[in-house]
Amino acid sequence: MEWRVELSSSAEKFLAKNHIPREEIFDLVARAVRYFSGEDININIGKLSGAWEGFYRIRKGKLRIIVGFDFHSAFARVEVVDWRGSAYK
């Protein structure tokens, strides 16, 4: 099944400002989907709670990616891409 991945405008701005290629984020989201499918993938992912209930956090070094997955329609929306201290604000 082909997944659609969408970036929020704030995520797009962060990537452009920090010269991070979009493909790097898309690759991490694809790895997360493979992880949820049952593959043995090395990815640091966690379910969020509180204000971010229903979202997942992907951690890569000091970078944090907050993404929501809709498994029924094969859609992922990246809400936040930011550095460790600022991602959850």
PDB file of N, CA and C in Angstrom:
ATOM      1  N   MET A   1       0.844  -1.179   0.000  1.00  0.00           N
ATOM      2  CA  MET A   1       0.000   0.000   0.000  1.00  0.00           C
ATOM      3  C   MET A   1       0.893   1.248   0.000  1.00  0.00           C
ATOM      4  N   GLU A   2       0.555   2.177  -0.823  1.00  0.00           N
ATOM      5  CA  GLU A   2       1.315   3.433  -0.949  1.00  0.00           C
ATOM      6  C   GLU A   2       0.814   4.443   0.067  1.00  0.00           C
ATOM      7  N   TRP A   3       1.725   4.966   0.870  1.00  0.00           N
ATOM      8  CA  TRP A   3       1.383   5.953   1.882  1.00  0.00           C
ATOM      9  C   TRP A   3       1.596   7.361   1.345  1.00  0.00           C
ATOM     10  N   ARG A   4       0.686   8.266   1.739  1.00  0.00           N
ATOM     11  CA  ARG A   4       0.848   9.688   1.438  1.00  0.00           C
ATOM     12  C   ARG A   4       1.404  10.366   2.682  1.00  0.00           C
ATOM     13  N   VAL A   5       2.395  11.213   2.495  1.00  0.00           N
ATOM     14  CA  VAL A   5       2.991  11.946   3.612  1.00  0.00           C
ATOM     15  C   VAL A   5       2.886  13.433   3.297  1.00  0.00           C
ATOM     16  N   GLU A   6       2.386  14.186   4.261  1.00  0.00           N
ATOM     17  CA  GLU A   6       2.203  15.632   4.104  1.00  0.00           C
ATOM     18  C   GLU A   6       2.948  16.335   5.227  1.00  0.00           C
ATOM     19  N   LEU A   7       3.575  17.453   4.889  1.00  0.00           N
ATOM     20  CA  LEU A   7       4.285  18.264   5.882  1.00  0.00           C
ATOM     21  C   LEU A   7       3.478  19.519   6.190  1.00  0.00           C
ATOM     22  N   SER A   8       3.414  19.882   7.471  1.00  0.00           N
ATOM     23  CA  SER A   8       2.760  21.135   7.838  1.00  0.00           C
ATOM     24  C   SER A   8       3.636  22.296   7.385  1.00  0.00           C
ATOM     25  N   SER A   9       3.077  23.482   7.349  1.00  0.00           N
ATOM     26  CA  SER A   9       3.849  24.642   6.902  1.00  0.00           C
ATOM     27  C   SER A   9       4.997  24.948   7.871  1.00  0.00           C
ATOM     28  N   SER A  10       4.784  24.736   9.175  1.00  0.00           N
ATOM     29  CA  SER A  10       5.871  24.987  10.128  1.00  0.00           C
ATOM     30  C   SER A  10       7.002  23.973   9.943  1.00  0.00           C
ATOM     31  N   ALA A  11       6.665  22.731   9.613  1.00  0.00           N
ATOM     32  CA  ALA A  11       7.697  21.722   9.352  1.00  0.00           C
ATOM     33  C   ALA A  11       8.483  22.088   8.089  1.00  0.00           C
ATOM     34  N   GLU A  12       7.779  22.546   7.063  1.00  0.00           N
ATOM     35  CA  GLU A  12       8.441  22.968   5.817  1.00  0.00           C
ATOM     36  C   GLU A  12       9.410  24.120   6.092  1.00  0.00           C
ATOM     37  N   LYS A  13       8.965  25.097   6.872  1.00  0.00           N
ATOM     38  CA  LYS A  13       9.815  26.252   7.185  1.00  0.00           C
ATOM     39  C   LYS A  13      11.056  25.831   7.951  1.00  0.00           C
ATOM     40  N   PHE A  14      10.897  24.925   8.930  1.00  0.00           N
ATOM     41  CA  PHE A  14      12.038  24.458   9.710  1.00  0.00           C
ATOM     42  C   PHE A  14      13.056  23.752   8.816  1.00  0.00           C
ATOM     43  N   LEU A  15      12.579  22.900   7.926  1.00  0.00           N
ATOM     44  CA  LEU A  15      13.481  22.173   7.035  1.00  0.00           C
ATOM     45  C   LEU A  15      14.237  23.131   6.120  1.00  0.00           C
ATOM     46  N   ALA A  16      13.535  24.126   5.586  1.00  0.00           N
ATOM     47  CA  ALA A  16      14.178  25.093   4.691  1.00  0.00           C
ATOM     48  C   ALA A  16      15.216  25.927   5.453  1.00  0.00           C
ATOM     49  N   LYS A  17      14.862  26.358   6.654  1.00  0.00           N
ATOM     50  CA  LYS A  17      15.757  27.206   7.449  1.00  0.00           C
ATOM     51  C   LYS A  17      17.029  26.465   7.851  1.00  0.00           C
ATOM     52  N   ASN A  18      16.911  25.171   8.133  1.00  0.00           N
ATOM     53  CA  ASN A  18      18.041  24.383   8.618  1.00  0.00           C
ATOM     54  C   ASN A  18      18.689  23.520   7.540  1.00  0.00           C
ATOM     55  N   HIS A  19      18.279  23.712   6.303  1.00  0.00           N
ATOM     56  CA  HIS A  19      18.856  23.004   5.152  1.00  0.00           C
ATOM     57  C   HIS A  19      18.823  21.489   5.334  1.00  0.00           C
ATOM     58  N   ILE A  20      17.685  20.992   5.799  1.00  0.00           N
ATOM     59  CA  ILE A  20      17.473  19.551   5.952  1.00  0.00           C
ATOM     60  C   ILE A  20      16.593  19.098   4.797  1.00  0.00           C
ATOM     61  N   PRO A  21      17.026  18.095   4.033  1.00  0.00           N
ATOM     62  CA  PRO A  21      16.220  17.654   2.888  1.00  0.00           C
ATOM     63  C   PRO A  21      14.918  16.983   3.326  1.00  0.00           C
ATOM     64  N   ARG A  22      13.846  17.263   2.611  1.00  0.00           N
ATOM     65  CA  ARG A  22      12.541  16.670   2.892  1.00  0.00           C
ATOM     66  C   ARG A  22      12.613  15.144   2.838  1.00  0.00           C
ATOM     67  N   GLU A  23      13.468  14.629   1.946  1.00  0.00           N
ATOM     68  CA  GLU A  23      13.583  13.185   1.755  1.00  0.00           C
ATOM     69  C   GLU A  23      14.025  12.488   3.037  1.00  0.00           C
ATOM     70  N   GLU A  24      14.826  13.178   3.858  1.00  0.00           N
ATOM     71  CA  GLU A  24      15.270  12.585   5.122  1.00  0.00           C
ATOM     72  C   GLU A  24      14.076  12.343   6.051  1.00  0.00           C
ATOM     73  N   ILE A  25      13.147  13.289   6.091  1.00  0.00           N
ATOM     74  CA  ILE A  25      11.949  13.159   6.916  1.00  0.00           C
ATOM     75  C   ILE A  25      11.041  12.075   6.336  1.00  0.00           C
ATOM     76  N   PHE A  26      10.867  12.088   5.015  1.00  0.00           N
ATOM     77  CA  PHE A  26      10.035  11.073   4.364  1.00  0.00           C
ATOM     78  C   PHE A  26      10.586   9.674   4.615  1.00  0.00           C
ATOM     79  N   ASP A  27      11.920   9.537   4.614  1.00  0.00           N
ATOM     80  CA  ASP A  27      12.538   8.244   4.875  1.00  0.00           C
ATOM     81  C   ASP A  27      12.242   7.778   6.298  1.00  0.00           C
ATOM     82  N   LEU A  28      12.328   8.688   7.276  1.00  0.00           N
ATOM     83  CA  LEU A  28      12.037   8.315   8.665  1.00  0.00           C
ATOM     84  C   LEU A  28      10.570   7.923   8.846  1.00  0.00           C
ATOM     85  N   VAL A  29       9.665   8.626   8.183  1.00  0.00           N
ATOM     86  CA  VAL A  29       8.242   8.282   8.265  1.00  0.00           C
ATOM     87  C   VAL A  29       8.002   6.918   7.614  1.00  0.00           C
ATOM     88  N   ALA A  30       8.661   6.655   6.487  1.00  0.00           N
ATOM     89  CA  ALA A  30       8.524   5.358   5.816  1.00  0.00           C
ATOM     90  C   ALA A  30       9.043   4.237   6.711  1.00  0.00           C
ATOM     91  N   ARG A  31      10.149   4.493   7.411  1.00  0.00           N
ATOM     92  CA  ARG A  31      10.682   3.482   8.336  1.00  0.00           C
ATOM     93  C   ARG A  31       9.700   3.240   9.478  1.00  0.00           C
ATOM     94  N   ALA A  32       9.040   4.292   9.960  1.00  0.00           N
ATOM     95  CA  ALA A  32       8.043   4.139  11.020  1.00  0.00           C
ATOM     96  C   ALA A  32       6.873   3.287  10.536  1.00  0.00           C
ATOM     97  N   VAL A  33       6.423   3.500   9.316  1.00  0.00           N
ATOM     98  CA  VAL A  33       5.327   2.703   8.752  1.00  0.00           C
ATOM     99  C   VAL A  33       5.737   1.245   8.672  1.00  0.00           C
ATOM    100  N   ARG A  34       6.976   0.990   8.233  1.00  0.00           N
ATOM    101  CA  ARG A  34       7.470  -0.386   8.170  1.00  0.00           C
ATOM    102  C   ARG A  34       7.553  -0.997   9.564  1.00  0.00           C
ATOM    103  N   TYR A  35       7.924  -0.194  10.558  1.00  0.00           N
ATOM    104  CA  TYR A  35       7.968  -0.655  11.945  1.00  0.00           C
ATOM    105  C   TYR A  35       6.565  -1.068  12.419  1.00  0.00           C
ATOM    106  N   PHE A  36       5.563  -0.239  12.114  1.00  0.00           N
ATOM    107  CA  PHE A  36       4.187  -0.551  12.499  1.00  0.00           C
ATOM    108  C   PHE A  36       3.658  -1.781  11.762  1.00  0.00           C
ATOM    109  N   SER A  37       4.211  -2.053  10.582  1.00  0.00           N
ATOM    110  CA  SER A  37       3.790  -3.224   9.813  1.00  0.00           C
ATOM    111  C   SER A  37       4.384  -4.513  10.360  1.00  0.00           C
ATOM    112  N   GLY A  38       5.287  -4.401  11.340  1.00  0.00           N
ATOM    113  CA  GLY A  38       5.842  -5.583  11.956  1.00  0.00           C
ATOM    114  C   GLY A  38       7.276  -5.893  11.587  1.00  0.00           C
ATOM    115  N   GLU A  39       7.875  -5.094  10.723  1.00  0.00           N
ATOM    116  CA  GLU A  39       9.273  -5.321  10.366  1.00  0.00           C
ATOM    117  C   GLU A  39      10.173  -4.964  11.540  1.00  0.00           C
ATOM    118  N   ASP A  40      11.320  -5.625  11.612  1.00  0.00           N
ATOM    119  CA  ASP A  40      12.287  -5.343  12.667  1.00  0.00           C
ATOM    120  C   ASP A  40      13.181  -4.199  12.205  1.00  0.00           C
ATOM    121  N   ILE A  41      12.730  -2.968  12.457  1.00  0.00           N
ATOM    122  CA  ILE A  41      13.402  -1.751  12.002  1.00  0.00           C
ATOM    123  C   ILE A  41      14.004  -1.048  13.217  1.00  0.00           C
ATOM    124  N   ASN A  42      15.213  -0.542  13.051  1.00  0.00           N
ATOM    125  CA  ASN A  42      15.852   0.222  14.117  1.00  0.00           C
ATOM    126  C   ASN A  42      15.424   1.687  13.990  1.00  0.00           C
ATOM    127  N   ILE A  43      14.404   2.062  14.758  1.00  0.00           N
ATOM    128  CA  ILE A  43      13.908   3.439  14.754  1.00  0.00           C
ATOM    129  C   ILE A  43      13.453   3.778  16.170  1.00  0.00           C
ATOM    130  N   ASN A  44      13.751   4.987  16.597  1.00  0.00           N
ATOM    131  CA  ASN A  44      13.362   5.434  17.934  1.00  0.00           C
ATOM    132  C   ASN A  44      12.039   6.170  17.802  1.00  0.00           C
ATOM    133  N   ILE A  45      10.954   5.486  18.139  1.00  0.00           N
ATOM    134  CA  ILE A  45       9.617   6.056  17.992  1.00  0.00           C
ATOM    135  C   ILE A  45       8.861   5.856  19.294  1.00  0.00           C
ATOM    136  N   GLY A  46       8.046   6.819  19.644  1.00  0.00           N
ATOM    137  CA  GLY A  46       7.261   6.716  20.868  1.00  0.00           C
ATOM    138  C   GLY A  46       5.906   7.370  20.707  1.00  0.00           C
ATOM    139  N   LYS A  47       4.937   6.827  21.421  1.00  0.00           N
ATOM    140  CA  LYS A  47       3.587   7.377  21.408  1.00  0.00           C
ATOM    141  C   LYS A  47       3.537   8.547  22.381  1.00  0.00           C
ATOM    142  N   LEU A  48       2.931   9.636  21.971  1.00  0.00           N
ATOM    143  CA  LEU A  48       2.858  10.823  22.811  1.00  0.00           C
ATOM    144  C   LEU A  48       1.541  10.864  23.594  1.00  0.00           C
ATOM    145  N   SER A  49       1.542  11.636  24.677  1.00  0.00           N
ATOM    146  CA  SER A  49       0.337  11.797  25.487  1.00  0.00           C
ATOM    147  C   SER A  49       0.131  13.287  25.764  1.00  0.00           C
ATOM    148  N   GLY A  50      -0.882  13.579  26.539  1.00  0.00           N
ATOM    149  CA  GLY A  50      -1.166  14.974  26.889  1.00  0.00           C
ATOM    150  C   GLY A  50      -1.703  15.744  25.697  1.00  0.00           C
ATOM    151  N   ALA A  51      -1.126  16.901  25.450  1.00  0.00           N
ATOM    152  CA  ALA A  51      -1.586  17.757  24.348  1.00  0.00           C
ATOM    153  C   ALA A  51      -1.366  17.098  22.990  1.00  0.00           C
ATOM    154  N   TRP A  52      -0.414  16.174  22.908  1.00  0.00           N
ATOM    155  CA  TRP A  52      -0.107  15.497  21.647  1.00  0.00           C
ATOM    156  C   TRP A  52      -0.674  14.079  21.599  1.00  0.00           C
ATOM    157  N   GLU A  53      -1.738  13.825  22.326  1.00  0.00           N
ATOM    158  CA  GLU A  53      -2.391  12.513  22.343  1.00  0.00           C
ATOM    159  C   GLU A  53      -2.736  12.065  20.921  1.00  0.00           C
ATOM    160  N   GLY A  54      -2.388  10.842  20.576  1.00  0.00           N
ATOM    161  CA  GLY A  54      -2.688  10.307  19.250  1.00  0.00           C
ATOM    162  C   GLY A  54      -1.573  10.503  18.237  1.00  0.00           C
ATOM    163  N   PHE A  55      -0.531  11.225  18.605  1.00  0.00           N
ATOM    164  CA  PHE A  55       0.607  11.449  17.722  1.00  0.00           C
ATOM    165  C   PHE A  55       1.787  10.601  18.173  1.00  0.00           C
ATOM    166  N   TYR A  56       2.757  10.482  17.289  1.00  0.00           N
ATOM    167  CA  TYR A  56       3.982   9.755  17.590  1.00  0.00           C
ATOM    168  C   TYR A  56       5.176  10.674  17.414  1.00  0.00           C
ATOM    169  N   ARG A  57       6.241  10.379  18.184  1.00  0.00           N
ATOM    170  CA  ARG A  57       7.482  11.126  18.104  1.00  0.00           C
ATOM    171  C   ARG A  57       8.559  10.228  17.519  1.00  0.00           C
ATOM    172  N   ILE A  58       9.224  10.719  16.495  1.00  0.00           N
ATOM    173  CA  ILE A  58      10.381  10.021  15.938  1.00  0.00           C
ATOM    174  C   ILE A  58      11.599  10.839  16.360  1.00  0.00           C
ATOM    175  N   ARG A  59      12.572  10.159  16.954  1.00  0.00           N
ATOM    176  CA  ARG A  59      13.761  10.833  17.445  1.00  0.00           C
ATOM    177  C   ARG A  59      14.963  10.395  16.628  1.00  0.00           C
ATOM    178  N   LYS A  60      15.709  11.379  16.110  1.00  0.00           N
ATOM    179  CA  LYS A  60      16.948  11.100  15.392  1.00  0.00           C
ATOM    180  C   LYS A  60      17.971  12.133  15.841  1.00  0.00           C
ATOM    181  N   GLY A  61      18.884  11.722  16.705  1.00  0.00           N
ATOM    182  CA  GLY A  61      19.845  12.661  17.271  1.00  0.00           C
ATOM    183  C   GLY A  61      19.119  13.719  18.070  1.00  0.00           C
ATOM    184  N   LYS A  62      19.374  14.986  17.781  1.00  0.00           N
ATOM    185  CA  LYS A  62      18.704  16.080  18.484  1.00  0.00           C
ATOM    186  C   LYS A  62      17.421  16.521  17.785  1.00  0.00           C
ATOM    187  N   LEU A  63      17.110  15.895  16.666  1.00  0.00           N
ATOM    188  CA  LEU A  63      15.932  16.242  15.885  1.00  0.00           C
ATOM    189  C   LEU A  63      14.720  15.463  16.376  1.00  0.00           C
ATOM    190  N   ARG A  64      13.567  16.139  16.469  1.00  0.00           N
ATOM    191  CA  ARG A  64      12.317  15.498  16.849  1.00  0.00           C
ATOM    192  C   ARG A  64      11.290  15.728  15.754  1.00  0.00           C
ATOM    193  N   ILE A  65      10.573  14.676  15.404  1.00  0.00           N
ATOM    194  CA  ILE A  65       9.539  14.742  14.381  1.00  0.00           C
ATOM    195  C   ILE A  65       8.249  14.253  15.022  1.00  0.00           C
ATOM    196  N   ILE A  66       7.234  15.092  15.044  1.00  0.00           N
ATOM    197  CA  ILE A  66       5.932  14.707  15.584  1.00  0.00           C
ATOM    198  C   ILE A  66       5.005  14.481  14.404  1.00  0.00           C
ATOM    199  N   VAL A  67       4.472  13.267  14.341  1.00  0.00           N
ATOM    200  CA  VAL A  67       3.686  12.872  13.170  1.00  0.00           C
ATOM    201  C   VAL A  67       2.430  12.122  13.605  1.00  0.00           C
ATOM    202  N   GLY A  68       1.363  12.368  12.877  1.00  0.00           N
ATOM    203  CA  GLY A  68       0.112  11.648  13.092  1.00  0.00           C
ATOM    204  C   GLY A  68      -0.099  10.670  11.950  1.00  0.00           C
ATOM    205  N   PHE A  69      -0.515   9.460  12.290  1.00  0.00           N
ATOM    206  CA  PHE A  69      -0.732   8.420  11.287  1.00  0.00           C
ATOM    207  C   PHE A  69      -2.210   8.084  11.209  1.00  0.00           C
ATOM    208  N   ASP A  70      -2.729   7.991   9.985  1.00  0.00           N
ATOM    209  CA  ASP A  70      -4.080   7.482   9.751  1.00  0.00           C
ATOM    210  C   ASP A  70      -3.903   6.160   9.016  1.00  0.00           C
ATOM    211  N   PHE A  71      -3.999   5.058   9.762  1.00  0.00           N
ATOM    212  CA  PHE A  71      -3.695   3.748   9.200  1.00  0.00           C
ATOM    213  C   PHE A  71      -4.760   3.255   8.234  1.00  0.00           C
ATOM    214  N   HIS A  72      -5.993   3.750   8.373  1.00  0.00           N
ATOM    215  CA  HIS A  72      -7.069   3.304   7.482  1.00  0.00           C
ATOM    216  C   HIS A  72      -6.932   3.873   6.079  1.00  0.00           C
ATOM    217  N   SER A  73      -6.488   5.127   5.988  1.00  0.00           N
ATOM    218  CA  SER A  73      -6.369   5.742   4.664  1.00  0.00           C
ATOM    219  C   SER A  73      -4.916   5.867   4.213  1.00  0.00           C
ATOM    220  N   ALA A  74      -3.978   5.245   4.946  1.00  0.00           N
ATOM    221  CA  ALA A  74      -2.555   5.248   4.595  1.00  0.00           C
ATOM    222  C   ALA A  74      -2.043   6.676   4.391  1.00  0.00           C
ATOM    223  N   PHE A  75      -2.222   7.481   5.430  1.00  0.00           N
ATOM    224  CA  PHE A  75      -1.855   8.894   5.363  1.00  0.00           C
ATOM    225  C   PHE A  75      -1.093   9.273   6.616  1.00  0.00           C
ATOM    226  N   ALA A  76       0.003  10.000   6.463  1.00  0.00           N
ATOM    227  CA  ALA A  76       0.782  10.496   7.598  1.00  0.00           C
ATOM    228  C   ALA A  76       0.968  11.998   7.427  1.00  0.00           C
ATOM    229  N   ARG A  77       0.749  12.736   8.513  1.00  0.00           N
ATOM    230  CA  ARG A  77       0.947  14.185   8.483  1.00  0.00           C
ATOM    231  C   ARG A  77       2.005  14.549   9.513  1.00  0.00           C
ATOM    232  N   VAL A  78       3.087  15.133   9.029  1.00  0.00           N
ATOM    233  CA  VAL A  78       4.161  15.593   9.899  1.00  0.00           C
ATOM    234  C   VAL A  78       3.770  16.975  10.400  1.00  0.00           C
ATOM    235  N   GLU A  79       3.486  17.072  11.696  1.00  0.00           N
ATOM    236  CA  GLU A  79       3.054  18.330  12.285  1.00  0.00           C
ATOM    237  C   GLU A  79       4.226  19.211  12.668  1.00  0.00           C
ATOM    238  N   VAL A  80       5.252  18.622  13.307  1.00  0.00           N
ATOM    239  CA  VAL A  80       6.371  19.405  13.832  1.00  0.00           C
ATOM    240  C   VAL A  80       7.681  18.709  13.502  1.00  0.00           C
ATOM    241  N   VAL A  81       8.638  19.491  13.043  1.00  0.00           N
ATOM    242  CA  VAL A  81      10.025  19.066  12.955  1.00  0.00           C
ATOM    243  C   VAL A  81      10.807  20.160  13.655  1.00  0.00           C
ATOM    244  N   ASP A  82      11.512  19.795  14.731  1.00  0.00           N
ATOM    245  CA  ASP A  82      12.228  20.811  15.497  1.00  0.00           C
ATOM    246  C   ASP A  82      13.312  20.147  16.318  1.00  0.00           C
ATOM    247  N   TRP A  83      14.129  20.975  16.947  1.00  0.00           N
ATOM    248  CA  TRP A  83      15.179  20.465  17.813  1.00  0.00           C
ATOM    249  C   TRP A  83      14.580  19.994  19.131  1.00  0.00           C
ATOM    250  N   ARG A  84      15.312  19.209  19.846  1.00  0.00           N
ATOM    251  CA  ARG A  84      14.889  18.511  21.048  1.00  0.00           C
ATOM    252  C   ARG A  84      14.119  19.393  22.031  1.00  0.00           C
ATOM    253  N   GLY A  85      14.605  20.542  22.397  1.00  0.00           N
ATOM    254  CA  GLY A  85      13.966  21.357  23.425  1.00  0.00           C
ATOM    255  C   GLY A  85      12.730  22.095  22.982  1.00  0.00           C
ATOM    256  N   SER A  86      12.532  22.287  21.698  1.00  0.00           N
ATOM    257  CA  SER A  86      11.455  23.136  21.201  1.00  0.00           C
ATOM    258  C   SER A  86      10.312  22.382  20.534  1.00  0.00           C
ATOM    259  N   ALA A  87      10.446  21.105  20.312  1.00  0.00           N
ATOM    260  CA  ALA A  87       9.486  20.370  19.503  1.00  0.00           C
ATOM    261  C   ALA A  87       8.108  20.260  20.141  1.00  0.00           C
ATOM    262  N   TYR A  88       8.040  20.190  21.468  1.00  0.00           N
ATOM    263  CA  TYR A  88       6.767  19.899  22.124  1.00  0.00           C
ATOM    264  C   TYR A  88       6.021  21.136  22.587  1.00  0.00           C
ATOM    265  N   LYS A  89       6.515  22.322  22.237  1.00  0.00           N
ATOM    266  CA  LYS A  89       5.874  23.572  22.678  1.00  0.00           C
ATOM    267  C   LYS A  89       4.748  23.979  21.781  1.00  0.00           C
TER     268      LYS A  89
END
